[in-house]
N, C-alpha and C. Protein backbone atom coordinates (compact mmCIF):
# COMPACT_ATOMS: atom_id res chain seq x y z
N UNK A 1 85.45 93.37 67.89
CA UNK A 1 86.82 93.25 68.39
C UNK A 1 86.80 93.03 69.90
N UNK A 2 87.66 92.12 70.37
CA UNK A 2 87.72 91.84 71.80
C UNK A 2 88.33 93.01 72.57
N UNK A 3 87.87 93.16 73.80
CA UNK A 3 88.42 94.20 74.66
C UNK A 3 89.71 93.71 75.28
N UNK A 4 90.72 94.55 75.25
CA UNK A 4 91.99 94.21 75.88
C UNK A 4 92.21 95.06 77.12
N UNK A 5 93.47 95.20 77.50
CA UNK A 5 93.82 96.03 78.65
C UNK A 5 94.38 97.34 78.11
N UNK A 6 93.86 98.46 78.62
CA UNK A 6 94.25 99.77 78.09
C UNK A 6 94.80 100.66 79.21
N UNK A 7 95.83 101.42 78.85
CA UNK A 7 96.33 102.43 79.78
C UNK A 7 97.09 101.86 80.96
N UNK A 8 97.17 102.67 82.02
CA UNK A 8 97.82 102.30 83.29
C UNK A 8 99.30 101.97 83.11
N UNK A 9 99.97 102.61 82.16
CA UNK A 9 101.38 102.29 81.91
C UNK A 9 102.25 102.62 83.10
N UNK A 10 101.98 103.78 83.73
CA UNK A 10 102.78 104.18 84.89
C UNK A 10 102.59 103.20 86.03
N UNK A 11 101.33 102.85 86.30
CA UNK A 11 101.04 101.93 87.41
C UNK A 11 101.60 100.53 87.13
N UNK A 12 101.52 100.09 85.88
CA UNK A 12 102.10 98.78 85.53
C UNK A 12 103.60 98.78 85.73
N UNK A 13 104.25 99.88 85.39
CA UNK A 13 105.69 99.97 85.59
C UNK A 13 106.03 99.94 87.08
N UNK A 14 105.25 100.66 87.89
CA UNK A 14 105.46 100.65 89.33
C UNK A 14 105.34 99.23 89.88
N UNK A 15 104.26 98.55 89.49
CA UNK A 15 104.03 97.20 90.00
C UNK A 15 105.09 96.22 89.51
N UNK A 16 105.54 96.38 88.27
CA UNK A 16 106.58 95.50 87.75
C UNK A 16 107.85 95.63 88.58
N UNK A 17 108.21 96.85 88.92
CA UNK A 17 109.41 97.06 89.74
C UNK A 17 109.23 96.45 91.12
N UNK A 18 108.04 96.62 91.69
CA UNK A 18 107.78 96.07 93.03
C UNK A 18 107.82 94.55 93.01
N UNK A 19 107.14 93.95 92.05
CA UNK A 19 107.02 92.49 91.99
C UNK A 19 108.35 91.81 91.74
N UNK A 20 109.27 92.51 91.11
CA UNK A 20 110.55 91.91 90.77
C UNK A 20 111.69 92.34 91.69
N UNK A 21 111.35 92.90 92.83
CA UNK A 21 112.39 93.27 93.80
C UNK A 21 113.03 92.04 94.45
N UNK A 22 112.24 90.99 94.56
CA UNK A 22 112.69 89.77 95.25
C UNK A 22 112.96 90.04 96.72
N UNK A 23 112.16 90.93 97.30
CA UNK A 23 112.21 91.19 98.74
C UNK A 23 110.81 91.59 99.19
N UNK A 24 110.58 91.50 100.47
CA UNK A 24 109.26 91.74 101.03
C UNK A 24 108.68 93.09 100.60
N UNK A 25 107.40 93.08 100.23
CA UNK A 25 106.67 94.31 99.97
C UNK A 25 105.24 94.18 100.49
N UNK A 26 104.67 95.31 100.82
CA UNK A 26 103.28 95.39 101.28
C UNK A 26 102.66 96.60 100.57
N UNK A 27 101.89 96.32 99.52
CA UNK A 27 101.37 97.37 98.64
C UNK A 27 99.90 97.64 98.92
N UNK A 28 99.57 98.92 99.02
CA UNK A 28 98.17 99.35 99.12
C UNK A 28 97.75 99.92 97.78
N UNK A 29 96.71 99.34 97.18
CA UNK A 29 96.18 99.81 95.91
C UNK A 29 94.74 100.23 96.13
N UNK A 30 94.45 101.51 95.92
CA UNK A 30 93.12 102.02 96.18
C UNK A 30 92.53 102.71 94.95
N UNK A 31 91.25 102.93 94.97
CA UNK A 31 90.53 103.58 93.88
C UNK A 31 89.06 103.25 94.01
N UNK A 32 88.22 104.07 93.41
CA UNK A 32 86.78 103.84 93.54
C UNK A 32 86.39 102.52 92.85
N UNK A 33 85.22 102.05 93.14
CA UNK A 33 84.73 100.79 92.56
C UNK A 33 84.69 100.87 91.03
N UNK A 34 84.99 99.75 90.41
CA UNK A 34 84.90 99.57 88.96
C UNK A 34 85.91 100.41 88.19
N UNK A 35 86.96 100.89 88.85
CA UNK A 35 87.93 101.72 88.13
C UNK A 35 89.06 100.88 87.53
N UNK A 36 89.13 99.59 87.90
CA UNK A 36 90.11 98.71 87.26
C UNK A 36 91.22 98.20 88.15
N UNK A 37 91.02 98.20 89.47
CA UNK A 37 92.08 97.74 90.38
C UNK A 37 92.40 96.26 90.15
N UNK A 38 91.36 95.44 90.09
CA UNK A 38 91.57 94.01 89.92
C UNK A 38 92.21 93.71 88.57
N UNK A 39 91.72 94.36 87.52
CA UNK A 39 92.30 94.15 86.19
C UNK A 39 93.77 94.57 86.15
N UNK A 40 94.09 95.65 86.83
CA UNK A 40 95.47 96.11 86.88
C UNK A 40 96.37 95.07 87.54
N UNK A 41 95.94 94.54 88.67
CA UNK A 41 96.74 93.54 89.38
C UNK A 41 96.90 92.29 88.52
N UNK A 42 95.82 91.84 87.91
CA UNK A 42 95.89 90.65 87.06
C UNK A 42 96.84 90.86 85.89
N UNK A 43 96.77 92.03 85.27
CA UNK A 43 97.66 92.34 84.15
C UNK A 43 99.12 92.40 84.61
N UNK A 44 99.35 93.02 85.75
CA UNK A 44 100.71 93.13 86.28
C UNK A 44 101.30 91.76 86.60
N UNK A 45 100.50 90.89 87.19
CA UNK A 45 100.98 89.56 87.54
C UNK A 45 101.24 88.71 86.30
N UNK A 46 100.40 88.87 85.28
CA UNK A 46 100.58 88.11 84.04
C UNK A 46 101.84 88.53 83.30
N UNK A 47 102.12 89.83 83.32
CA UNK A 47 103.26 90.33 82.55
C UNK A 47 104.57 90.27 83.32
N UNK A 48 104.51 89.98 84.61
CA UNK A 48 105.73 89.89 85.41
C UNK A 48 106.29 88.48 85.36
N UNK A 49 107.40 88.29 86.02
CA UNK A 49 108.02 86.96 86.08
C UNK A 49 107.55 86.16 87.30
N UNK A 50 106.57 86.69 88.02
CA UNK A 50 106.04 86.01 89.20
C UNK A 50 105.19 84.82 88.77
N UNK A 51 105.48 83.68 89.33
CA UNK A 51 104.75 82.46 88.98
C UNK A 51 103.96 81.89 90.15
N UNK A 52 104.25 82.37 91.35
CA UNK A 52 103.55 81.86 92.53
C UNK A 52 102.62 82.95 93.05
N UNK A 53 101.33 82.73 92.84
CA UNK A 53 100.33 83.77 93.13
C UNK A 53 99.16 83.18 93.89
N UNK A 54 98.63 83.96 94.83
CA UNK A 54 97.35 83.65 95.46
C UNK A 54 96.52 84.92 95.46
N UNK A 55 95.42 84.89 94.72
CA UNK A 55 94.50 86.02 94.67
C UNK A 55 93.21 85.62 95.37
N UNK A 56 92.79 86.43 96.33
CA UNK A 56 91.57 86.15 97.10
C UNK A 56 90.62 87.33 97.02
N UNK A 57 89.40 87.05 96.60
CA UNK A 57 88.33 88.07 96.65
C UNK A 57 87.68 87.94 98.02
N UNK A 58 88.00 88.87 98.91
CA UNK A 58 87.50 88.80 100.28
C UNK A 58 86.00 89.11 100.28
N UNK A 59 85.19 88.20 100.82
CA UNK A 59 83.74 88.45 100.84
C UNK A 59 83.34 89.32 102.02
N UNK A 60 82.20 89.97 101.90
CA UNK A 60 81.66 90.77 103.00
C UNK A 60 80.89 89.82 103.91
N UNK A 61 81.64 89.12 104.77
CA UNK A 61 81.03 88.11 105.64
C UNK A 61 81.86 87.98 106.91
N UNK A 62 81.51 87.00 107.72
CA UNK A 62 82.25 86.74 108.93
C UNK A 62 83.49 85.90 108.67
N UNK A 63 84.21 85.51 109.74
CA UNK A 63 85.44 84.74 109.59
C UNK A 63 85.26 83.46 108.77
N UNK A 64 84.16 82.74 108.99
CA UNK A 64 83.96 81.48 108.28
C UNK A 64 83.90 81.70 106.77
N UNK A 65 83.20 82.74 106.34
CA UNK A 65 83.10 83.03 104.92
C UNK A 65 84.44 83.44 104.32
N UNK A 66 85.20 84.23 105.06
CA UNK A 66 86.52 84.67 104.58
C UNK A 66 87.46 83.48 104.47
N UNK A 67 87.49 82.66 105.47
CA UNK A 67 88.37 81.49 105.46
C UNK A 67 88.00 80.52 104.35
N UNK A 68 86.70 80.36 104.11
CA UNK A 68 86.25 79.50 103.02
C UNK A 68 86.72 80.05 101.67
N UNK A 69 86.67 81.37 101.51
CA UNK A 69 87.12 82.00 100.27
C UNK A 69 88.62 81.80 100.07
N UNK A 70 89.38 81.88 101.16
CA UNK A 70 90.83 81.68 101.08
C UNK A 70 91.16 80.25 100.69
N UNK A 71 90.50 79.29 101.33
CA UNK A 71 90.74 77.88 101.01
C UNK A 71 90.38 77.59 99.56
N UNK A 72 89.24 78.11 99.11
CA UNK A 72 88.84 77.91 97.71
C UNK A 72 89.88 78.49 96.76
N UNK A 73 90.39 79.67 97.10
CA UNK A 73 91.40 80.31 96.24
C UNK A 73 92.70 79.51 96.21
N UNK A 74 93.11 78.99 97.36
CA UNK A 74 94.33 78.17 97.41
C UNK A 74 94.17 76.92 96.55
N UNK A 75 92.99 76.34 96.57
CA UNK A 75 92.72 75.17 95.72
C UNK A 75 92.72 75.56 94.24
N UNK A 76 92.08 76.68 93.94
CA UNK A 76 91.99 77.15 92.56
C UNK A 76 93.37 77.43 91.97
N UNK A 77 94.25 78.01 92.78
CA UNK A 77 95.59 78.35 92.29
C UNK A 77 96.57 77.18 92.42
N UNK A 78 96.05 76.01 92.79
CA UNK A 78 96.87 74.81 92.82
C UNK A 78 97.96 74.81 93.86
N UNK A 79 97.72 75.45 94.99
CA UNK A 79 98.72 75.50 96.06
C UNK A 79 98.68 74.19 96.84
N UNK A 80 99.80 73.52 96.90
CA UNK A 80 99.91 72.18 97.49
C UNK A 80 99.47 72.18 98.95
N UNK A 81 98.41 71.46 99.31
CA UNK A 81 97.95 71.43 100.70
C UNK A 81 98.93 70.73 101.64
N UNK A 82 99.79 69.89 101.09
CA UNK A 82 100.77 69.23 101.94
C UNK A 82 101.86 70.20 102.37
N UNK A 83 102.14 71.17 101.52
CA UNK A 83 103.18 72.15 101.83
C UNK A 83 102.63 73.38 102.53
N UNK A 84 101.38 73.72 102.24
CA UNK A 84 100.78 74.93 102.80
C UNK A 84 99.41 74.58 103.38
N UNK A 85 99.38 74.48 104.70
CA UNK A 85 98.16 74.09 105.41
C UNK A 85 97.06 75.13 105.22
N UNK A 86 95.85 74.67 104.97
CA UNK A 86 94.71 75.58 104.83
C UNK A 86 94.35 76.17 106.18
N UNK A 87 94.17 77.51 106.24
CA UNK A 87 93.86 78.15 107.53
C UNK A 87 92.45 77.85 108.01
N UNK A 88 92.32 77.65 109.31
CA UNK A 88 91.01 77.38 109.90
C UNK A 88 90.57 78.51 110.82
N UNK A 89 91.47 79.44 111.12
CA UNK A 89 91.16 80.59 111.96
C UNK A 89 91.82 81.82 111.35
N UNK A 90 91.42 83.00 111.81
CA UNK A 90 92.04 84.23 111.31
C UNK A 90 93.52 84.30 111.70
N UNK A 91 93.85 83.74 112.86
CA UNK A 91 95.25 83.69 113.27
C UNK A 91 96.07 82.83 112.31
N UNK A 92 95.50 81.70 111.94
CA UNK A 92 96.19 80.83 110.98
C UNK A 92 96.27 81.48 109.60
N UNK A 93 95.29 82.30 109.25
CA UNK A 93 95.32 83.01 107.97
C UNK A 93 96.50 83.98 107.93
N UNK A 94 96.71 84.72 109.00
CA UNK A 94 97.85 85.65 109.06
C UNK A 94 99.16 84.89 108.92
N UNK A 95 99.27 83.77 109.62
CA UNK A 95 100.48 82.96 109.53
C UNK A 95 100.66 82.36 108.14
N UNK A 96 99.54 81.98 107.52
CA UNK A 96 99.57 81.42 106.17
C UNK A 96 100.13 82.44 105.18
N UNK A 97 99.73 83.70 105.32
CA UNK A 97 100.24 84.75 104.45
C UNK A 97 101.75 84.88 104.63
N UNK A 98 102.22 84.81 105.86
CA UNK A 98 103.65 84.85 106.11
C UNK A 98 104.37 83.68 105.48
N UNK A 99 103.83 82.49 105.63
CA UNK A 99 104.45 81.29 105.06
C UNK A 99 104.52 81.37 103.54
N UNK A 100 103.43 81.81 102.93
CA UNK A 100 103.39 81.90 101.47
C UNK A 100 104.38 82.93 100.93
N UNK A 101 104.41 84.09 101.54
CA UNK A 101 105.32 85.13 101.04
C UNK A 101 106.78 84.74 101.25
N UNK A 102 107.06 84.04 102.31
CA UNK A 102 108.44 83.56 102.52
C UNK A 102 108.82 82.52 101.46
N UNK A 103 107.81 81.87 100.91
CA UNK A 103 108.06 80.88 99.86
C UNK A 103 108.03 81.52 98.46
N UNK A 104 107.91 82.84 98.40
CA UNK A 104 107.96 83.53 97.13
C UNK A 104 106.63 83.83 96.49
N UNK A 105 105.53 83.62 97.23
CA UNK A 105 104.21 83.91 96.68
C UNK A 105 103.90 85.40 96.77
N UNK A 106 103.14 85.87 95.79
CA UNK A 106 102.50 87.18 95.87
C UNK A 106 101.06 86.93 96.29
N UNK A 107 100.68 87.43 97.44
CA UNK A 107 99.32 87.26 97.96
C UNK A 107 98.56 88.55 97.74
N UNK A 108 97.43 88.47 97.03
CA UNK A 108 96.60 89.65 96.76
C UNK A 108 95.26 89.48 97.45
N UNK A 109 94.93 90.41 98.33
CA UNK A 109 93.65 90.39 99.03
C UNK A 109 92.78 91.53 98.50
N UNK A 110 91.81 91.17 97.67
CA UNK A 110 90.92 92.17 97.07
C UNK A 110 89.76 92.45 98.04
N UNK A 111 89.25 93.68 98.00
CA UNK A 111 88.20 94.14 98.92
C UNK A 111 88.70 94.07 100.37
N UNK A 112 89.92 94.49 100.56
CA UNK A 112 90.55 94.43 101.88
C UNK A 112 89.79 95.26 102.91
N UNK A 113 89.00 96.24 102.45
CA UNK A 113 88.28 97.11 103.40
C UNK A 113 87.32 96.34 104.29
N UNK A 114 86.92 95.13 103.87
CA UNK A 114 85.99 94.37 104.71
C UNK A 114 86.60 93.96 106.04
N UNK A 115 87.92 93.98 106.13
CA UNK A 115 88.55 93.65 107.40
C UNK A 115 88.38 94.76 108.43
N UNK A 116 87.75 95.85 108.04
CA UNK A 116 87.42 96.89 109.01
C UNK A 116 86.07 96.63 109.67
N UNK A 117 85.37 95.57 109.24
CA UNK A 117 84.10 95.21 109.87
C UNK A 117 84.37 94.64 111.27
N UNK A 118 83.44 94.85 112.15
CA UNK A 118 83.62 94.42 113.54
C UNK A 118 83.86 92.92 113.65
N UNK A 119 83.16 92.12 112.82
CA UNK A 119 83.30 90.66 112.92
C UNK A 119 84.69 90.18 112.50
N UNK A 120 85.45 91.03 111.80
CA UNK A 120 86.79 90.65 111.35
C UNK A 120 87.86 91.53 111.98
N UNK A 121 87.51 92.26 113.02
CA UNK A 121 88.40 93.28 113.58
C UNK A 121 89.66 92.71 114.22
N UNK A 122 89.68 91.42 114.51
CA UNK A 122 90.89 90.81 115.09
C UNK A 122 92.00 90.65 114.04
N UNK A 123 91.61 90.53 112.79
CA UNK A 123 92.60 90.18 111.76
C UNK A 123 93.70 91.22 111.57
N UNK A 124 93.42 92.53 111.51
CA UNK A 124 94.51 93.49 111.33
C UNK A 124 95.61 93.37 112.39
N UNK A 125 95.23 93.13 113.64
CA UNK A 125 96.24 92.96 114.69
C UNK A 125 97.04 91.68 114.49
N UNK A 126 96.36 90.63 114.08
CA UNK A 126 97.05 89.37 113.82
C UNK A 126 98.00 89.52 112.63
N UNK A 127 97.55 90.23 111.60
CA UNK A 127 98.39 90.44 110.43
C UNK A 127 99.57 91.34 110.75
N UNK A 128 99.36 92.30 111.65
CA UNK A 128 100.45 93.21 112.02
C UNK A 128 101.67 92.45 112.51
N UNK A 129 101.45 91.47 113.40
CA UNK A 129 102.57 90.70 113.93
C UNK A 129 103.34 90.00 112.83
N UNK A 130 102.61 89.44 111.87
CA UNK A 130 103.25 88.74 110.77
C UNK A 130 103.99 89.72 109.86
N UNK A 131 103.36 90.84 109.56
CA UNK A 131 103.98 91.86 108.71
C UNK A 131 105.27 92.39 109.34
N UNK A 132 105.24 92.61 110.63
CA UNK A 132 106.44 93.11 111.31
C UNK A 132 107.59 92.12 111.24
N UNK A 133 107.27 90.84 111.38
CA UNK A 133 108.32 89.83 111.27
C UNK A 133 108.87 89.76 109.84
N UNK A 134 107.99 89.87 108.88
CA UNK A 134 108.43 89.83 107.48
C UNK A 134 109.25 91.07 107.14
N UNK A 135 108.86 92.21 107.65
CA UNK A 135 109.60 93.45 107.39
C UNK A 135 111.01 93.40 107.98
N UNK A 136 111.12 92.81 109.15
CA UNK A 136 112.42 92.70 109.81
C UNK A 136 113.37 91.83 109.00
N UNK A 137 112.82 90.86 108.29
CA UNK A 137 113.63 89.92 107.51
C UNK A 137 113.40 90.14 106.01
N UNK A 138 113.16 91.39 105.62
CA UNK A 138 112.70 91.71 104.26
C UNK A 138 113.57 91.15 103.14
N UNK A 139 114.88 91.20 103.31
CA UNK A 139 115.77 90.76 102.22
C UNK A 139 115.71 89.26 101.99
N UNK A 140 115.20 88.52 102.96
CA UNK A 140 115.10 87.07 102.82
C UNK A 140 113.67 86.61 102.50
N UNK A 141 112.79 87.56 102.23
CA UNK A 141 111.41 87.24 101.89
C UNK A 141 111.17 87.63 100.44
N UNK A 142 111.13 86.67 99.52
CA UNK A 142 111.01 87.00 98.09
C UNK A 142 109.62 87.36 97.62
N UNK A 143 108.61 87.15 98.45
CA UNK A 143 107.23 87.45 98.07
C UNK A 143 106.71 88.70 98.74
N UNK A 144 105.41 88.91 98.63
CA UNK A 144 104.83 90.10 99.24
C UNK A 144 103.33 90.07 99.25
N UNK A 145 102.75 91.13 99.78
CA UNK A 145 101.31 91.23 99.98
C UNK A 145 100.77 92.46 99.25
N UNK A 146 99.70 92.26 98.49
CA UNK A 146 98.98 93.34 97.83
C UNK A 146 97.58 93.42 98.44
N UNK A 147 97.16 94.60 98.87
CA UNK A 147 95.79 94.76 99.37
C UNK A 147 95.09 95.80 98.52
N UNK A 148 93.89 95.46 98.06
CA UNK A 148 93.11 96.32 97.19
C UNK A 148 91.87 96.77 97.93
N UNK A 149 91.53 98.05 97.81
CA UNK A 149 90.35 98.54 98.51
C UNK A 149 89.66 99.65 97.75
N UNK A 150 88.32 99.71 97.89
CA UNK A 150 87.55 100.70 97.16
C UNK A 150 86.77 101.65 98.05
N UNK A 151 86.72 101.38 99.34
CA UNK A 151 86.01 102.27 100.26
C UNK A 151 87.06 103.01 101.08
N UNK A 152 87.29 104.26 100.74
CA UNK A 152 88.43 104.98 101.29
C UNK A 152 88.39 105.08 102.81
N UNK A 153 87.22 105.32 103.37
CA UNK A 153 87.16 105.49 104.83
C UNK A 153 87.59 104.23 105.55
N UNK A 154 87.19 103.07 105.03
CA UNK A 154 87.57 101.80 105.67
C UNK A 154 89.05 101.50 105.48
N UNK A 155 89.57 101.73 104.28
CA UNK A 155 90.99 101.51 104.03
C UNK A 155 91.83 102.45 104.88
N UNK A 156 91.40 103.69 104.99
CA UNK A 156 92.12 104.66 105.82
C UNK A 156 92.13 104.21 107.28
N UNK A 157 90.99 103.70 107.74
CA UNK A 157 90.92 103.23 109.13
C UNK A 157 91.86 102.06 109.38
N UNK A 158 92.06 101.23 108.37
CA UNK A 158 92.92 100.05 108.51
C UNK A 158 94.41 100.36 108.39
N UNK A 159 94.75 101.31 107.51
CA UNK A 159 96.16 101.49 107.15
C UNK A 159 96.72 102.89 107.42
N UNK A 160 95.85 103.88 107.62
CA UNK A 160 96.33 105.25 107.75
C UNK A 160 96.09 105.86 109.12
N UNK A 161 95.17 105.30 109.87
CA UNK A 161 94.89 105.80 111.21
C UNK A 161 96.06 105.44 112.14
N UNK A 162 96.58 106.42 112.85
CA UNK A 162 97.74 106.18 113.73
C UNK A 162 97.46 105.15 114.81
N UNK A 163 96.19 104.95 115.12
CA UNK A 163 95.84 103.97 116.15
C UNK A 163 95.65 102.58 115.57
N UNK A 164 95.69 102.45 114.24
CA UNK A 164 95.45 101.16 113.60
C UNK A 164 96.67 100.26 113.68
N UNK A 165 96.48 98.97 113.87
CA UNK A 165 97.62 98.03 113.98
C UNK A 165 98.53 98.07 112.75
N UNK A 166 97.97 98.30 111.56
CA UNK A 166 98.77 98.25 110.34
C UNK A 166 99.25 99.63 109.89
N UNK A 167 99.11 100.63 110.75
CA UNK A 167 99.55 101.98 110.40
C UNK A 167 101.05 101.99 110.09
N UNK A 168 101.41 102.65 108.99
CA UNK A 168 102.81 102.84 108.58
C UNK A 168 103.51 101.52 108.25
N UNK A 169 102.73 100.51 107.86
CA UNK A 169 103.33 99.20 107.53
C UNK A 169 103.52 99.00 106.03
N UNK A 170 102.77 99.74 105.20
CA UNK A 170 102.89 99.52 103.76
C UNK A 170 104.24 100.03 103.24
N UNK A 171 104.75 99.35 102.23
CA UNK A 171 106.00 99.78 101.61
C UNK A 171 105.74 100.64 100.37
N UNK A 172 104.58 100.46 99.75
CA UNK A 172 104.24 101.18 98.53
C UNK A 172 102.74 101.45 98.49
N UNK A 173 102.36 102.57 97.85
CA UNK A 173 100.95 102.92 97.73
C UNK A 173 100.66 103.40 96.32
N UNK A 174 99.57 102.89 95.74
CA UNK A 174 99.14 103.29 94.41
C UNK A 174 97.66 103.63 94.48
N UNK A 175 97.31 104.82 93.99
CA UNK A 175 95.91 105.24 93.98
C UNK A 175 95.48 105.43 92.53
N UNK A 176 94.49 104.65 92.08
CA UNK A 176 94.02 104.73 90.70
C UNK A 176 92.99 105.83 90.54
N UNK A 177 93.19 106.69 89.55
CA UNK A 177 92.20 107.68 89.19
C UNK A 177 91.66 107.33 87.81
N UNK A 178 91.00 108.26 87.16
CA UNK A 178 90.41 107.99 85.86
C UNK A 178 91.50 107.71 84.82
N UNK A 179 91.11 107.07 83.73
CA UNK A 179 92.05 106.81 82.64
C UNK A 179 92.54 108.12 82.03
N UNK A 180 93.78 108.12 81.57
CA UNK A 180 94.31 109.31 80.91
C UNK A 180 93.65 109.46 79.53
N UNK A 181 93.72 110.66 79.00
CA UNK A 181 93.06 110.97 77.74
C UNK A 181 93.55 110.07 76.60
N UNK A 182 94.86 109.82 76.55
CA UNK A 182 95.42 108.99 75.47
C UNK A 182 94.80 107.60 75.48
N UNK A 183 94.59 107.03 76.68
CA UNK A 183 94.01 105.69 76.77
C UNK A 183 92.55 105.70 76.35
N UNK A 184 91.83 106.75 76.74
CA UNK A 184 90.42 106.86 76.33
C UNK A 184 90.32 106.97 74.81
N UNK A 185 91.21 107.76 74.20
CA UNK A 185 91.21 107.90 72.74
C UNK A 185 91.53 106.57 72.06
N UNK A 186 92.44 105.81 72.66
CA UNK A 186 92.77 104.50 72.11
C UNK A 186 91.56 103.57 72.14
N UNK A 187 90.81 103.60 73.23
CA UNK A 187 89.61 102.78 73.34
C UNK A 187 88.57 103.22 72.31
N UNK A 188 88.38 104.53 72.19
CA UNK A 188 87.41 105.05 71.24
C UNK A 188 87.77 104.65 69.81
N UNK A 189 89.06 104.76 69.49
CA UNK A 189 89.50 104.44 68.14
C UNK A 189 89.30 102.96 67.82
N UNK A 190 89.50 102.11 68.84
CA UNK A 190 89.41 100.66 68.62
C UNK A 190 87.98 100.16 68.60
N UNK A 191 87.12 100.74 69.46
CA UNK A 191 85.81 100.14 69.67
C UNK A 191 84.61 101.01 69.29
N UNK A 192 84.82 102.29 69.09
CA UNK A 192 83.66 103.16 68.89
C UNK A 192 83.17 103.13 67.45
N UNK A 193 81.86 103.08 67.30
CA UNK A 193 81.25 103.34 66.00
C UNK A 193 81.25 104.86 65.85
N UNK A 194 81.83 105.38 64.78
CA UNK A 194 82.05 106.83 64.69
C UNK A 194 80.79 107.64 64.42
N UNK A 195 79.85 107.54 65.35
CA UNK A 195 78.66 108.38 65.28
C UNK A 195 78.64 109.24 66.53
N UNK A 196 78.12 110.45 66.47
CA UNK A 196 78.17 111.36 67.63
C UNK A 196 77.61 110.78 68.91
N UNK A 197 76.44 110.11 68.81
CA UNK A 197 75.83 109.58 70.04
C UNK A 197 76.67 108.46 70.64
N UNK A 198 77.25 107.60 69.80
CA UNK A 198 78.08 106.49 70.29
C UNK A 198 79.37 107.02 70.92
N UNK A 199 79.99 107.99 70.28
CA UNK A 199 81.22 108.58 70.81
C UNK A 199 80.95 109.27 72.15
N UNK A 200 79.84 109.99 72.24
CA UNK A 200 79.50 110.67 73.49
C UNK A 200 79.24 109.68 74.60
N UNK A 201 78.56 108.56 74.28
CA UNK A 201 78.29 107.53 75.29
C UNK A 201 79.59 106.96 75.84
N UNK A 202 80.52 106.55 74.95
CA UNK A 202 81.78 105.95 75.41
C UNK A 202 82.63 106.96 76.14
N UNK A 203 82.62 108.20 75.66
CA UNK A 203 83.40 109.24 76.34
C UNK A 203 82.90 109.45 77.76
N UNK A 204 81.57 109.43 77.93
CA UNK A 204 80.98 109.56 79.25
C UNK A 204 81.30 108.35 80.11
N UNK A 205 81.22 107.16 79.51
CA UNK A 205 81.48 105.92 80.23
C UNK A 205 82.89 105.90 80.81
N UNK A 206 83.84 106.42 80.06
CA UNK A 206 85.23 106.40 80.53
C UNK A 206 85.66 107.73 81.13
N UNK A 207 84.71 108.43 81.73
CA UNK A 207 84.96 109.64 82.51
C UNK A 207 85.52 110.77 81.67
N UNK A 208 84.82 111.07 80.59
CA UNK A 208 85.28 112.12 79.71
C UNK A 208 84.70 113.48 80.04
N UNK A 209 84.40 114.25 79.02
CA UNK A 209 84.02 115.64 79.18
C UNK A 209 82.86 115.86 80.15
N UNK A 210 81.75 115.06 80.08
CA UNK A 210 80.64 115.33 80.99
C UNK A 210 81.04 115.33 82.46
N UNK A 211 81.93 114.41 82.85
CA UNK A 211 82.36 114.35 84.24
C UNK A 211 83.14 115.61 84.60
N UNK A 212 84.10 115.97 83.74
CA UNK A 212 84.93 117.12 84.05
C UNK A 212 84.08 118.41 84.05
N UNK A 213 83.10 118.45 83.14
CA UNK A 213 82.22 119.62 83.11
C UNK A 213 81.42 119.71 84.40
N UNK A 214 80.96 118.57 84.87
CA UNK A 214 80.18 118.54 86.12
C UNK A 214 81.01 119.00 87.29
N UNK A 215 82.31 118.64 87.32
CA UNK A 215 83.16 118.94 88.45
C UNK A 215 83.63 120.39 88.44
N UNK A 216 83.50 121.08 87.32
CA UNK A 216 83.99 122.46 87.22
C UNK A 216 83.10 123.43 87.99
């Protein structure tokens, strides 16, 4: 049987409400690696009425690598180059995000924590100016920005540190923890071979009893 999307009902409801506000939003989505942040965003975008999307997997590289990833993503998502100029600098990238969101796009930047690297340290300040302008005109901005991060210290430095350019700029915050028990049971019922060793393996994989026992 194929694997589907399980759980996260509360988070999906939160994102659905945010995506359908038809006004500017800046969402921070955090959680440890491999916990399902990207899958959650993809599921939320698919199930919402949003049709204009740009999803970028930010690479751990310098400005050239990041800009190349953005251009590739814009091409992949079929964003008209005549209407939306491809950014050639980090300053142009910040402006591009503003232009896209004003046009109703949802821009998702995955692995946002990489912007805390020294080689990309100019970008948060550049983005701050754009975010502030969008926030001031929030009711006339039908799109928004989603940033996903898995390294808490870097995300905190970018968005929670009082000295950071983007401090206090987010409109919504979602932190993903382990799957709830009901979702784990649903996965087990759908995919598990009902043998003790198989059940124990899947239960451990989805953060079941062994994890909680270890933390006690």
